[in-house]
Amino acid sequence: MRFYQLQRPAPSTPRHWSGSLSAEHVWSLPGVECPTCHETWSGQFALPSVDLSSLSEQDLLKEPRVEPYAEYARLASHVQPFLPSGLSPEPGMQFGPLRGTSRGSWGPVSARVGWEVLVTQEALRHLRAVGIRGLVPVRAELQGLNTGVVLYELELPVRGLLHRDAVLTGPQCPTCGWYEVRISPEPWLDGDALPHDVDLFRPTNGTTYTFVNERFVEAIQALGPSDVMFREARVTPESRTGSIH
């Protein structure tokens, strides 16, 4: 099985479609100011399927901002029960569907950023019909779409690993969890940890990267041109630990 990194084309690449969004997820945890490592940071992980509408403090999660660690930790503890098993909250984590406005026309699959993959309703039907595994579509709440067009954001399962030789990490802060990370410009996959139950995924140690296998690529290419590119990813069987000193 061959694997590919799904990427947004470079700005200089001619586009097939004119679609663009001005939209954000409904809720997000604040970024954090850490008293231990003195870093101020916020991640970019999104879980559009997580519904926080029943959370009593949901209004405190609607305005992106930075908070002292104690306040962040308090809010994160309220969000934790809503998360999928095995996932922990992190600063800046986003929840709920994309909400905002759309302009232009949309092809079968699009990537506003590398970790935000959108498909049309017709493309979603096709992916389901051919048996693509791991699909968690969440309908985007958008004004301005052309008549009959519906867009879904795909919430990608977290599976597998980037090869450790492609990821260098520093020591982790015991308080906020921050650590320095450097990822190769063309990361490759750990062949000992490849997922075999899904056809698209985010690596556990690289959740802003989207990887798909050849089954997904073939299914999308059958729908005609899209404004994404698929770069074949190297798969290396052996793993070795990398670190920043």
C-alpha atoms as a PDB file:
ATOM      1  CA  MET A   1       0.000   0.000   0.000  1.00  0.00           C
ATOM      2  CA  ARG A   2       1.301   3.443  -0.936  1.00  0.00           C
ATOM      3  CA  PHE A   3       0.755   6.510   1.263  1.00  0.00           C
ATOM      4  CA  TYR A   4       0.552  10.185   0.366  1.00  0.00           C
ATOM      5  CA  GLN A   5       0.619  13.498   2.179  1.00  0.00           C
ATOM      6  CA  LEU A   6      -2.423  15.561   1.223  1.00  0.00           C
ATOM      7  CA  GLN A   7      -1.292  19.150   0.760  1.00  0.00           C
ATOM      8  CA  ARG A   8      -2.629  22.492  -0.303  1.00  0.00           C
ATOM      9  CA  PRO A   9      -0.906  23.538  -3.560  1.00  0.00           C
ATOM     10  CA  ALA A  10       1.535  26.434  -3.523  1.00  0.00           C
ATOM     11  CA  PRO A  11      -0.081  29.872  -4.078  1.00  0.00           C
ATOM     12  CA  SER A  12       1.620  30.078  -7.484  1.00  0.00           C
ATOM     13  CA  THR A  13      -0.106  26.897  -8.687  1.00  0.00           C
ATOM     14  CA  PRO A  14      -3.097  27.577 -10.983  1.00  0.00           C
ATOM     15  CA  ARG A  15      -6.371  26.627  -9.333  1.00  0.00           C
ATOM     16  CA  HIS A  16      -9.296  24.706 -10.779  1.00  0.00           C
ATOM     17  CA  TRP A  17     -11.839  26.197  -8.356  1.00  0.00           C
ATOM     18  CA  SER A  18     -12.391  29.621  -6.798  1.00  0.00           C
ATOM     19  CA  GLY A  19     -13.802  28.612  -3.391  1.00  0.00           C
ATOM     20  CA  SER A  20     -12.621  30.428  -0.264  1.00  0.00           C
ATOM     21  CA  LEU A  21     -13.823  30.618   3.332  1.00  0.00           C
ATOM     22  CA  SER A  22     -13.954  33.124   6.138  1.00  0.00           C
ATOM     23  CA  ALA A  23     -14.888  30.748   8.929  1.00  0.00           C
ATOM     24  CA  GLU A  24     -13.817  29.468  12.329  1.00  0.00           C
ATOM     25  CA  HIS A  25     -14.818  26.587  14.577  1.00  0.00           C
ATOM     26  CA  VAL A  26     -17.491  27.442  17.117  1.00  0.00           C
ATOM     27  CA  TRP A  27     -15.466  26.909  20.296  1.00  0.00           C
ATOM     28  CA  SER A  28     -11.801  26.826  21.281  1.00  0.00           C
ATOM     29  CA  LEU A  29      -9.744  26.477  24.428  1.00  0.00           C
ATOM     30  CA  PRO A  30      -7.603  29.529  25.140  1.00  0.00           C
ATOM     31  CA  GLY A  31      -3.897  29.613  24.555  1.00  0.00           C
ATOM     32  CA  VAL A  32      -1.755  29.425  27.670  1.00  0.00           C
ATOM     33  CA  GLU A  33       0.854  31.467  29.534  1.00  0.00           C
ATOM     34  CA  CYS A  34       2.910  28.922  31.438  1.00  0.00           C
ATOM     35  CA  PRO A  35       4.509  29.855  34.802  1.00  0.00           C
ATOM     36  CA  THR A  36       6.975  26.959  34.561  1.00  0.00           C
ATOM     37  CA  CYS A  37       8.497  27.123  31.060  1.00  0.00           C
ATOM     38  CA  HIS A  38       7.417  30.774  30.484  1.00  0.00           C
ATOM     39  CA  GLU A  39       6.129  29.931  27.007  1.00  0.00           C
ATOM     40  CA  THR A  40       2.961  31.448  25.584  1.00  0.00           C
ATOM     41  CA  TRP A  41       1.494  29.051  23.056  1.00  0.00           C
ATOM     42  CA  SER A  42      -1.569  27.667  21.331  1.00  0.00           C
ATOM     43  CA  GLY A  43      -1.993  24.584  19.147  1.00  0.00           C
ATOM     44  CA  GLN A  44      -4.137  24.102  16.048  1.00  0.00           C
ATOM     45  CA  PHE A  45      -5.850  20.747  16.616  1.00  0.00           C
ATOM     46  CA  ALA A  46      -9.554  20.735  15.674  1.00  0.00           C
ATOM     47  CA  LEU A  47     -12.340  18.305  16.549  1.00  0.00           C
ATOM     48  CA  PRO A  48     -15.368  19.555  14.597  1.00  0.00           C
ATOM     49  CA  SER A  49     -17.554  16.665  15.769  1.00  0.00           C
ATOM     50  CA  VAL A  50     -17.248  17.656  19.453  1.00  0.00           C
ATOM     51  CA  ASP A  51     -20.396  19.503  20.561  1.00  0.00           C
ATOM     52  CA  LEU A  52     -19.932  21.737  23.610  1.00  0.00           C
ATOM     53  CA  SER A  53     -23.406  23.312  23.469  1.00  0.00           C
ATOM     54  CA  SER A  54     -24.394  21.608  26.754  1.00  0.00           C
ATOM     55  CA  LEU A  55     -21.321  22.878  28.607  1.00  0.00           C
ATOM     56  CA  SER A  56     -22.297  25.518  31.177  1.00  0.00           C
ATOM     57  CA  GLU A  57     -19.173  27.577  30.448  1.00  0.00           C
ATOM     58  CA  GLN A  58     -19.321  27.350  26.669  1.00  0.00           C
ATOM     59  CA  ASP A  59     -19.474  31.138  26.350  1.00  0.00           C
ATOM     60  CA  LEU A  60     -15.934  31.310  27.771  1.00  0.00           C
ATOM     61  CA  LEU A  61     -14.759  29.209  24.822  1.00  0.00           C
ATOM     62  CA  LYS A  62     -16.031  31.401  22.002  1.00  0.00           C
ATOM     63  CA  GLU A  63     -13.420  34.164  22.001  1.00  0.00           C
ATOM     64  CA  PRO A  64      -9.844  33.106  21.091  1.00  0.00           C
ATOM     65  CA  ARG A  65      -7.409  34.471  23.665  1.00  0.00           C
ATOM     66  CA  VAL A  66      -4.525  33.614  25.981  1.00  0.00           C
ATOM     67  CA  GLU A  67      -5.046  32.841  29.673  1.00  0.00           C
ATOM     68  CA  PRO A  68      -2.765  32.086  32.646  1.00  0.00           C
ATOM     69  CA  TYR A  69      -2.221  28.349  33.068  1.00  0.00           C
ATOM     70  CA  ALA A  70      -4.582  27.993  36.040  1.00  0.00           C
ATOM     71  CA  GLU A  71      -7.563  29.331  34.084  1.00  0.00           C
ATOM     72  CA  TYR A  72      -6.662  27.285  31.020  1.00  0.00           C
ATOM     73  CA  ALA A  73      -6.440  24.128  33.156  1.00  0.00           C
ATOM     74  CA  ARG A  74      -9.824  24.834  34.737  1.00  0.00           C
ATOM     75  CA  LEU A  75     -11.516  25.175  31.348  1.00  0.00           C
ATOM     76  CA  ALA A  76      -9.678  22.161  29.942  1.00  0.00           C
ATOM     77  CA  SER A  77     -10.962  19.997  32.809  1.00  0.00           C
ATOM     78  CA  HIS A  78     -14.546  20.854  31.808  1.00  0.00           C
ATOM     79  CA  VAL A  79     -13.876  20.008  28.156  1.00  0.00           C
ATOM     80  CA  GLN A  80     -12.099  16.690  28.811  1.00  0.00           C
ATOM     81  CA  PRO A  81     -15.293  14.572  29.240  1.00  0.00           C
ATOM     82  CA  PHE A  82     -16.451  15.602  25.738  1.00  0.00           C
ATOM     83  CA  LEU A  83     -13.305  14.399  23.960  1.00  0.00           C
ATOM     84  CA  PRO A  84     -12.867  11.039  22.241  1.00  0.00           C
ATOM     85  CA  SER A  85     -11.264   8.336  24.349  1.00  0.00           C
ATOM     86  CA  GLY A  86      -7.492   8.640  24.448  1.00  0.00           C
ATOM     87  CA  LEU A  87      -7.322  12.341  23.534  1.00  0.00           C
ATOM     88  CA  SER A  88      -6.364  15.050  25.997  1.00  0.00           C
ATOM     89  CA  PRO A  89      -7.161  18.764  25.691  1.00  0.00           C
ATOM     90  CA  GLU A  90      -4.402  21.145  24.659  1.00  0.00           C
ATOM     91  CA  PRO A  91      -4.176  24.955  24.433  1.00  0.00           C
ATOM     92  CA  GLY A  92      -5.959  26.324  21.383  1.00  0.00           C
ATOM     93  CA  MET A  93      -7.850  23.090  20.642  1.00  0.00           C
ATOM     94  CA  GLN A  94     -10.945  23.863  18.540  1.00  0.00           C
ATOM     95  CA  PHE A  95     -14.383  22.283  18.594  1.00  0.00           C
ATOM     96  CA  GLY A  96     -17.629  22.310  16.662  1.00  0.00           C
ATOM     97  CA  PRO A  97     -18.315  22.894  12.968  1.00  0.00           C
ATOM     98  CA  LEU A  98     -16.794  25.603  10.851  1.00  0.00           C
ATOM     99  CA  ARG A  99     -19.108  28.610  10.890  1.00  0.00           C
ATOM    100  CA  GLY A 100     -18.832  31.634   8.610  1.00  0.00           C
ATOM    101  CA  THR A 101     -19.099  32.604   4.951  1.00  0.00           C
ATOM    102  CA  SER A 102     -18.085  31.096   1.625  1.00  0.00           C
ATOM    103  CA  ARG A 103     -17.254  32.621  -1.735  1.00  0.00           C
ATOM    104  CA  GLY A 104     -16.727  31.048  -5.147  1.00  0.00           C
ATOM    105  CA  SER A 105     -17.138  27.482  -6.393  1.00  0.00           C
ATOM    106  CA  TRP A 106     -15.857  24.287  -4.803  1.00  0.00           C
ATOM    107  CA  GLY A 107     -14.285  21.142  -6.204  1.00  0.00           C
ATOM    108  CA  PRO A 108     -14.608  17.632  -4.745  1.00  0.00           C
ATOM    109  CA  VAL A 109     -11.907  18.077  -2.072  1.00  0.00           C
ATOM    110  CA  SER A 110     -10.147  21.188  -0.769  1.00  0.00           C
ATOM    111  CA  ALA A 111      -7.653  22.027   1.963  1.00  0.00           C
ATOM    112  CA  ARG A 112      -7.828  25.501   3.465  1.00  0.00           C
ATOM    113  CA  VAL A 113      -4.781  24.548   5.530  1.00  0.00           C
ATOM    114  CA  GLY A 114      -2.944  21.237   5.684  1.00  0.00           C
ATOM    115  CA  TRP A 115      -5.061  19.879   8.517  1.00  0.00           C
ATOM    116  CA  GLU A 116      -8.448  21.205   7.419  1.00  0.00           C
ATOM    117  CA  VAL A 117      -9.883  19.011   4.652  1.00  0.00           C
ATOM    118  CA  LEU A 118     -13.242  19.857   3.056  1.00  0.00           C
ATOM    119  CA  VAL A 119     -15.337  17.734   0.710  1.00  0.00           C
ATOM    120  CA  THR A 120     -18.562  18.393  -1.160  1.00  0.00           C
ATOM    121  CA  GLN A 121     -21.666  16.358  -0.454  1.00  0.00           C
ATOM    122  CA  GLU A 122     -21.291  14.595  -3.810  1.00  0.00           C
ATOM    123  CA  ALA A 123     -17.685  13.684  -3.047  1.00  0.00           C
ATOM    124  CA  LEU A 124     -18.676  12.382   0.390  1.00  0.00           C
ATOM    125  CA  ARG A 125     -21.329  10.151  -1.152  1.00  0.00           C
ATOM    126  CA  HIS A 126     -18.747   8.747  -3.556  1.00  0.00           C
ATOM    127  CA  LEU A 127     -16.176   8.134  -0.808  1.00  0.00           C
ATOM    128  CA  ARG A 128     -18.765   6.267   1.203  1.00  0.00           C
ATOM    129  CA  ALA A 129     -19.962   4.295  -1.827  1.00  0.00           C
ATOM    130  CA  VAL A 130     -16.450   2.990  -2.587  1.00  0.00           C
ATOM    131  CA  GLY A 131     -15.869   2.067   1.056  1.00  0.00           C
ATOM    132  CA  ILE A 132     -13.334   4.664   2.204  1.00  0.00           C
ATOM    133  CA  ARG A 133     -12.695   4.011   5.897  1.00  0.00           C
ATOM    134  CA  GLY A 134     -12.251   6.562   8.682  1.00  0.00           C
ATOM    135  CA  LEU A 135     -14.670   9.202   7.412  1.00  0.00           C
ATOM    136  CA  VAL A 136     -16.021  11.511  10.128  1.00  0.00           C
ATOM    137  CA  PRO A 137     -17.743  14.303   8.184  1.00  0.00           C
ATOM    138  CA  VAL A 138     -19.100  17.386   9.924  1.00  0.00           C
ATOM    139  CA  ARG A 139     -21.270  19.744   7.920  1.00  0.00           C
ATOM    140  CA  ALA A 140     -19.840  23.261   7.758  1.00  0.00           C
ATOM    141  CA  GLU A 141     -22.313  26.030   8.619  1.00  0.00           C
ATOM    142  CA  LEU A 142     -21.629  28.476   5.814  1.00  0.00           C
ATOM    143  CA  GLN A 143     -23.463  31.344   4.209  1.00  0.00           C
ATOM    144  CA  GLY A 144     -22.840  32.202   0.573  1.00  0.00           C
ATOM    145  CA  LEU A 145     -22.517  28.697  -0.865  1.00  0.00           C
ATOM    146  CA  ASN A 146     -23.904  28.234  -4.354  1.00  0.00           C
ATOM    147  CA  THR A 147     -27.383  26.718  -4.509  1.00  0.00           C
ATOM    148  CA  GLY A 148     -27.273  22.986  -3.830  1.00  0.00           C
ATOM    149  CA  VAL A 149     -23.672  22.966  -2.560  1.00  0.00           C
ATOM    150  CA  VAL A 150     -22.949  21.493   0.869  1.00  0.00           C
ATOM    151  CA  LEU A 151     -19.449  21.298   2.347  1.00  0.00           C
ATOM    152  CA  TYR A 152     -18.249  18.908   5.030  1.00  0.00           C
ATOM    153  CA  GLU A 153     -15.065  19.112   7.053  1.00  0.00           C
ATOM    154  CA  LEU A 154     -13.452  15.712   7.577  1.00  0.00           C
ATOM    155  CA  GLU A 155     -12.353  15.051  11.144  1.00  0.00           C
ATOM    156  CA  LEU A 156      -9.361  12.810  10.583  1.00  0.00           C
ATOM    157  CA  PRO A 157      -8.650   9.933  12.957  1.00  0.00           C
ATOM    158  CA  VAL A 158      -5.359  10.166  14.844  1.00  0.00           C
ATOM    159  CA  ARG A 159      -3.365   7.078  13.880  1.00  0.00           C
ATOM    160  CA  GLY A 160       0.170   6.030  13.101  1.00  0.00           C
ATOM    161  CA  LEU A 161       3.404   7.971  13.461  1.00  0.00           C
ATOM    162  CA  LEU A 162       5.758  10.106  11.484  1.00  0.00           C
ATOM    163  CA  HIS A 163       9.082   8.299  11.463  1.00  0.00           C
ATOM    164  CA  ARG A 164      11.079   9.404  14.482  1.00  0.00           C
ATOM    165  CA  ASP A 165      14.047  10.349  12.335  1.00  0.00           C
ATOM    166  CA  ALA A 166      11.788  12.995  10.765  1.00  0.00           C
ATOM    167  CA  VAL A 167      10.729  14.474  14.127  1.00  0.00           C
ATOM    168  CA  LEU A 168      13.126  16.015  16.629  1.00  0.00           C
ATOM    169  CA  THR A 169      11.678  16.898  20.027  1.00  0.00           C
ATOM    170  CA  GLY A 170      12.948  18.669  23.106  1.00  0.00           C
ATOM    171  CA  PRO A 171      12.060  18.109  26.753  1.00  0.00           C
ATOM    172  CA  GLN A 172       8.394  18.500  27.667  1.00  0.00           C
ATOM    173  CA  CYS A 173       7.209  21.070  30.199  1.00  0.00           C
ATOM    174  CA  PRO A 174       5.716  19.191  33.178  1.00  0.00           C
ATOM    175  CA  THR A 175       3.067  21.881  33.646  1.00  0.00           C
ATOM    176  CA  CYS A 176       1.638  22.882  30.253  1.00  0.00           C
ATOM    177  CA  GLY A 177       3.062  20.097  28.047  1.00  0.00           C
ATOM    178  CA  TRP A 178       4.930  22.434  25.663  1.00  0.00           C
ATOM    179  CA  TYR A 179       7.995  21.092  23.893  1.00  0.00           C
ATOM    180  CA  GLU A 180      10.105  22.219  20.995  1.00  0.00           C
ATOM    181  CA  VAL A 181       9.544  20.192  17.836  1.00  0.00           C
ATOM    182  CA  ARG A 182      11.175  20.261  14.424  1.00  0.00           C
ATOM    183  CA  ILE A 183       9.686  18.223  11.595  1.00  0.00           C
ATOM    184  CA  SER A 184      11.381  17.492   8.286  1.00  0.00           C
ATOM    185  CA  PRO A 185      10.045  19.539   5.334  1.00  0.00           C
ATOM    186  CA  GLU A 186       9.128  16.216   3.699  1.00  0.00           C
ATOM    187  CA  PRO A 187       8.252  13.943   6.622  1.00  0.00           C
ATOM    188  CA  TRP A 188       7.961  10.219   6.139  1.00  0.00           C
ATOM    189  CA  LEU A 189       6.006   7.512   7.937  1.00  0.00           C
ATOM    190  CA  ASP A 190       6.989   4.880  10.466  1.00  0.00           C
ATOM    191  CA  GLY A 191       6.289   1.580   8.746  1.00  0.00           C
ATOM    192  CA  ASP A 192       5.987  -0.212  12.095  1.00  0.00           C
ATOM    193  CA  ALA A 193       3.005   1.954  13.061  1.00  0.00           C
ATOM    194  CA  LEU A 194       0.988   2.275   9.847  1.00  0.00           C
ATOM    195  CA  PRO A 195      -2.796   2.284  10.360  1.00  0.00           C
ATOM    196  CA  HIS A 196      -4.589  -0.517   8.545  1.00  0.00           C
ATOM    197  CA  ASP A 197      -8.168   0.264   9.601  1.00  0.00           C
ATOM    198  CA  VAL A 198      -8.514   3.720   8.014  1.00  0.00           C
ATOM    199  CA  ASP A 199      -7.674   5.283   4.635  1.00  0.00           C
ATOM    200  CA  LEU A 200      -6.909   8.796   5.914  1.00  0.00           C
ATOM    201  CA  PHE A 201      -5.313   9.907   9.172  1.00  0.00           C
ATOM    202  CA  ARG A 202      -3.271  12.401  11.170  1.00  0.00           C
ATOM    203  CA  PRO A 203      -0.081  10.970  12.700  1.00  0.00           C
ATOM    204  CA  THR A 204      -0.037  11.033  16.481  1.00  0.00           C
ATOM    205  CA  ASN A 205       3.239  12.985  16.496  1.00  0.00           C
ATOM    206  CA  GLY A 206       2.263  15.303  13.633  1.00  0.00           C
ATOM    207  CA  THR A 207      -1.415  16.203  13.913  1.00  0.00           C
ATOM    208  CA  THR A 208      -1.206  19.161  11.499  1.00  0.00           C
ATOM    209  CA  TYR A 209      -0.289  16.742   8.678  1.00  0.00           C
ATOM    210  CA  THR A 210      -2.830  14.797   6.624  1.00  0.00           C
ATOM    211  CA  PHE A 211      -1.935  11.412   5.159  1.00  0.00           C
ATOM    212  CA  VAL A 212      -4.032   9.179   2.921  1.00  0.00           C
ATOM    213  CA  ASN A 213      -3.442   5.881   1.190  1.00  0.00           C
ATOM    214  CA  GLU A 214      -3.748   4.979  -2.468  1.00  0.00           C
ATOM    215  CA  ARG A 215      -7.379   3.877  -2.048  1.00  0.00           C
ATOM    216  CA  PHE A 216      -8.326   7.426  -1.022  1.00  0.00           C
ATOM    217  CA  VAL A 217      -6.283   9.001  -3.833  1.00  0.00           C
ATOM    218  CA  GLU A 218      -7.889   6.797  -6.471  1.00  0.00           C
ATOM    219  CA  ALA A 219     -11.366   7.587  -5.132  1.00  0.00           C
ATOM    220  CA  ILE A 220     -10.766  11.351  -5.242  1.00  0.00           C
ATOM    221  CA  GLN A 221      -9.117  11.333  -8.661  1.00  0.00           C
ATOM    222  CA  ALA A 222     -12.164   9.554 -10.079  1.00  0.00           C
ATOM    223  CA  LEU A 223     -14.189  12.711  -9.273  1.00  0.00           C
ATOM    224  CA  GLY A 224     -12.174  15.039 -11.507  1.00  0.00           C
ATOM    225  CA  PRO A 225      -9.852  17.931 -10.645  1.00  0.00           C
ATOM    226  CA  SER A 226      -9.499  19.211  -7.079  1.00  0.00           C
ATOM    227  CA  ASP A 227      -7.305  21.917  -5.583  1.00  0.00           C
ATOM    228  CA  VAL A 228      -5.159  19.578  -3.513  1.00  0.00           C
ATOM    229  CA  MET A 229      -1.969  17.693  -4.273  1.00  0.00           C
ATOM    230  CA  PHE A 230      -0.819  14.261  -3.151  1.00  0.00           C
ATOM    231  CA  ARG A 231       2.901  13.867  -2.421  1.00  0.00           C
ATOM    232  CA  GLU A 232       3.924  10.245  -2.036  1.00  0.00           C
ATOM    233  CA  ALA A 233       5.363   9.667   1.427  1.00  0.00           C
ATOM    234  CA  ARG A 234       8.334   7.428   2.084  1.00  0.00           C
ATOM    235  CA  VAL A 235       7.688   4.609   4.545  1.00  0.00           C
ATOM    236  CA  THR A 236      10.649   3.336   6.569  1.00  0.00           C
ATOM    237  CA  PRO A 237      10.221   0.104   8.557  1.00  0.00           C
ATOM    238  CA  GLU A 238      12.709   0.850  11.322  1.00  0.00           C
ATOM    239  CA  SER A 239      12.273   3.514  14.027  1.00  0.00           C
ATOM    240  CA  ARG A 240      14.948   5.387  15.943  1.00  0.00           C
ATOM    241  CA  THR A 241      14.507   8.060  18.563  1.00  0.00           C
ATOM    242  CA  GLY A 242      15.393  11.662  17.709  1.00  0.00           C
ATOM    243  CA  SER A 243      15.885  14.455  20.215  1.00  0.00           C
ATOM    244  CA  ILE A 244      16.841  18.105  20.430  1.00  0.00           C
ATOM    245  CA  HIS A 245      19.772  18.674  22.782  1.00  0.00           C
END
